[in-house]
Amino acid sequence: MSDTVNSLSDLQTLGEGVEAAAPVVNQAPTPLRQQELDKQGRAYATGRRKDAVARVWVKPGTGKITVNGRDQEIYFARPTLRLVINQPFTVTERTGQYDVVCTVKGGGLSGQAGAVKHGISQALSKYEPALRSAVKAEGFLTRDSRTVERKKYGRAKARRSFQFSKR
């Protein structure tokens, strides 16, 4: 065989006799995060949203969610808030497999529901580290940092001016 290549057909015939060597890459397997459990076998995480802070404990169970000692249907009466809380379980396909106990302080019901969702997502990823990528892809591990803007002096609210009077 000659070393010169004049056309693509020459290149094809040149490559028939030689097997392409795959590049050898020493890639270490990505270290999976460790499971973080307390003495009772629960995963703990803190969730935050607006002014609300939720302390969340997750353990295997039947899917019961308790918020401040009350059932989720009683504490979060609106179905949209319960939907927000259950989002991490639906994304990871773990509905009805974990019991959640949480205490929430501060903020309103909407902020508290967001805080519980954030806490459940964090605790789930601590209990089952393999679920972290699915929960992170949905953006549930990121704290939503949006808060209410403060009122400024010389203004009626944060941005609204006082009513203008011509006379």
Protein backbone atom coordinates (compact mmCIF):
# COMPACT_ATOMS: atom_id res chain seq x y z
CA MET A 1 0.00 0.00 0.00
CA SER A 2 1.13 3.48 -0.73
CA ASP A 3 1.31 6.23 1.87
CA THR A 4 -0.32 8.85 -0.34
CA VAL A 5 -4.06 9.34 -0.44
CA ASN A 6 -5.54 10.90 -3.56
CA SER A 7 -9.26 10.48 -2.94
CA LEU A 8 -11.79 9.37 -0.38
CA SER A 9 -11.95 5.87 -1.86
CA ASP A 10 -8.20 5.48 -1.21
CA LEU A 11 -8.79 6.51 2.37
CA GLN A 12 -11.54 3.90 2.74
CA THR A 13 -9.37 1.06 1.38
CA LEU A 14 -6.51 2.19 3.59
CA GLY A 15 -8.71 1.93 6.67
CA GLU A 16 -10.08 -1.58 5.91
CA GLY A 17 -7.00 -3.48 6.99
CA VAL A 18 -6.33 -1.48 10.13
CA GLU A 19 -8.61 -1.58 13.17
CA ALA A 20 -9.19 1.78 14.78
CA ALA A 21 -7.79 1.80 18.28
CA ALA A 22 -10.20 3.30 20.76
CA PRO A 23 -8.61 5.99 22.86
CA VAL A 24 -8.05 4.74 26.39
CA VAL A 25 -9.38 7.15 28.95
CA ASN A 26 -8.96 6.42 32.61
CA GLN A 27 -12.20 7.87 33.91
CA ALA A 28 -12.85 7.24 37.56
CA PRO A 29 -16.50 6.60 38.39
CA THR A 30 -18.17 9.69 39.76
CA PRO A 31 -18.33 9.36 43.52
CA LEU A 32 -21.92 8.91 44.64
CA ARG A 33 -22.86 11.07 47.59
CA GLN A 34 -23.16 9.37 50.96
CA GLN A 35 -26.55 8.71 52.51
CA GLU A 36 -27.02 11.08 55.46
CA LEU A 37 -29.30 9.63 58.16
CA ASP A 38 -29.81 10.36 61.87
CA LYS A 39 -30.07 7.75 64.67
CA GLN A 40 -33.76 7.11 63.93
CA GLY A 41 -33.05 6.39 60.24
CA ARG A 42 -34.45 9.70 58.98
CA ALA A 43 -32.99 12.24 56.57
CA TYR A 44 -33.11 15.86 57.78
CA ALA A 45 -33.04 19.04 55.71
CA THR A 46 -33.97 22.70 56.02
CA GLY A 47 -36.07 24.37 53.34
CA ARG A 48 -36.51 28.11 52.88
CA ARG A 49 -38.81 30.31 50.80
CA LYS A 50 -39.58 34.02 51.30
CA ASP A 51 -39.68 34.43 55.09
CA ALA A 52 -40.67 30.82 55.80
CA VAL A 53 -38.27 28.21 57.20
CA ALA A 54 -39.19 24.51 57.22
CA ARG A 55 -37.38 21.78 59.13
CA VAL A 56 -38.11 18.49 57.35
CA TRP A 57 -37.53 14.85 58.32
CA VAL A 58 -38.09 12.10 55.73
CA LYS A 59 -38.28 8.36 56.44
CA PRO A 60 -39.72 5.34 54.58
CA GLY A 61 -43.44 4.90 55.17
CA THR A 62 -46.89 5.14 53.65
CA GLY A 63 -46.81 8.70 52.30
CA LYS A 64 -48.20 10.56 55.33
CA ILE A 65 -47.15 14.22 55.50
CA THR A 66 -47.43 15.98 58.86
CA VAL A 67 -46.95 19.75 59.09
CA ASN A 68 -46.68 21.33 62.57
CA GLY A 69 -48.39 18.32 64.13
CA ARG A 70 -51.34 18.43 61.70
CA ASP A 71 -52.11 16.50 58.53
CA GLN A 72 -51.25 18.25 55.25
CA GLU A 73 -54.93 18.38 54.17
CA ILE A 74 -55.78 20.37 57.29
CA TYR A 75 -52.71 22.65 57.38
CA PHE A 76 -52.61 23.37 53.63
CA ALA A 77 -56.31 23.51 52.74
CA ARG A 78 -55.77 24.70 49.16
CA PRO A 79 -55.13 21.85 46.71
CA THR A 80 -52.52 23.93 44.84
CA LEU A 81 -50.37 24.13 47.98
CA ARG A 82 -50.61 20.36 48.49
CA LEU A 83 -49.65 19.91 44.83
CA VAL A 84 -46.55 22.06 45.41
CA ILE A 85 -45.55 19.94 48.41
CA ASN A 86 -45.93 16.64 46.54
CA GLN A 87 -43.94 17.76 43.46
CA PRO A 88 -40.61 16.21 44.59
CA PHE A 89 -42.30 12.83 45.04
CA THR A 90 -44.01 12.90 41.63
CA VAL A 91 -40.78 13.90 39.85
CA THR A 92 -38.82 11.06 41.50
CA GLU A 93 -41.76 8.61 41.22
CA ARG A 94 -41.72 7.97 44.98
CA THR A 95 -45.34 8.92 45.75
CA GLY A 96 -46.57 7.15 48.89
CA GLN A 97 -43.18 5.68 49.80
CA TYR A 98 -41.98 8.22 52.38
CA ASP A 99 -43.43 9.74 55.54
CA VAL A 100 -42.65 13.42 56.10
CA VAL A 101 -42.66 15.25 59.41
CA CYS A 102 -41.96 18.97 59.27
CA THR A 103 -42.23 22.14 61.30
CA VAL A 104 -42.67 25.47 59.54
CA LYS A 105 -42.23 28.99 60.90
CA GLY A 106 -42.62 32.43 59.37
CA GLY A 107 -44.16 33.75 56.19
CA GLY A 108 -47.56 32.94 54.73
CA LEU A 109 -49.03 29.67 53.52
CA SER A 110 -47.61 29.98 50.00
CA GLY A 111 -44.08 30.62 51.27
CA GLN A 112 -44.42 27.82 53.80
CA ALA A 113 -45.49 25.38 51.07
CA GLY A 114 -42.45 26.38 49.01
CA ALA A 115 -40.21 25.95 52.04
CA VAL A 116 -41.59 22.47 52.70
CA LYS A 117 -41.06 21.54 49.03
CA HIS A 118 -37.45 22.76 49.21
CA GLY A 119 -36.88 20.82 52.44
CA ILE A 120 -38.44 17.61 51.09
CA SER A 121 -36.27 17.83 47.97
CA GLN A 122 -33.11 18.28 50.02
CA ALA A 123 -34.03 15.47 52.43
CA LEU A 124 -34.93 13.09 49.59
CA SER A 125 -31.56 13.67 47.95
CA LYS A 126 -29.89 12.95 51.31
CA TYR A 127 -31.89 9.75 51.84
CA GLU A 128 -31.48 8.49 48.26
CA PRO A 129 -28.44 10.20 46.68
CA ALA A 130 -29.30 8.67 43.28
CA LEU A 131 -32.41 10.89 43.11
CA ARG A 132 -30.37 14.09 43.38
CA SER A 133 -29.94 14.56 39.62
CA ALA A 134 -33.68 14.18 38.93
CA VAL A 135 -34.62 16.64 41.67
CA LYS A 136 -31.88 19.08 40.69
CA ALA A 137 -32.93 19.03 37.04
CA GLU A 138 -36.37 20.30 38.09
CA GLY A 139 -34.74 23.10 40.11
CA PHE A 140 -36.12 21.97 43.48
CA LEU A 141 -32.74 22.04 45.26
CA THR A 142 -32.17 25.72 44.50
CA ARG A 143 -33.50 28.12 47.09
CA ASP A 144 -35.88 30.64 45.52
CA SER A 145 -34.29 33.85 46.81
CA ARG A 146 -37.10 36.20 45.75
CA THR A 147 -38.43 38.18 48.70
CA VAL A 148 -40.71 41.15 49.23
CA GLU A 149 -39.06 44.46 48.36
CA ARG A 150 -38.74 46.85 51.29
CA LYS A 151 -40.71 50.07 51.54
CA LYS A 152 -38.72 53.25 50.79
CA TYR A 153 -39.17 56.60 52.48
CA GLY A 154 -41.03 59.19 50.42
CA ARG A 155 -43.08 56.42 48.79
CA ALA A 156 -46.47 54.91 49.59
CA LYS A 157 -45.15 51.36 49.12
CA ALA A 158 -41.92 49.91 47.75
CA ARG A 159 -42.28 51.66 44.39
CA ARG A 160 -45.66 53.39 44.37
CA SER A 161 -45.55 57.16 44.83
CA PHE A 162 -48.03 59.11 46.88
CA GLN A 163 -51.03 60.40 44.94
CA PHE A 164 -50.19 63.57 43.05
CA SER A 165 -52.33 66.60 43.88
CA LYS A 166 -52.27 69.49 41.41
CA ARG A 167 -54.06 71.93 43.74
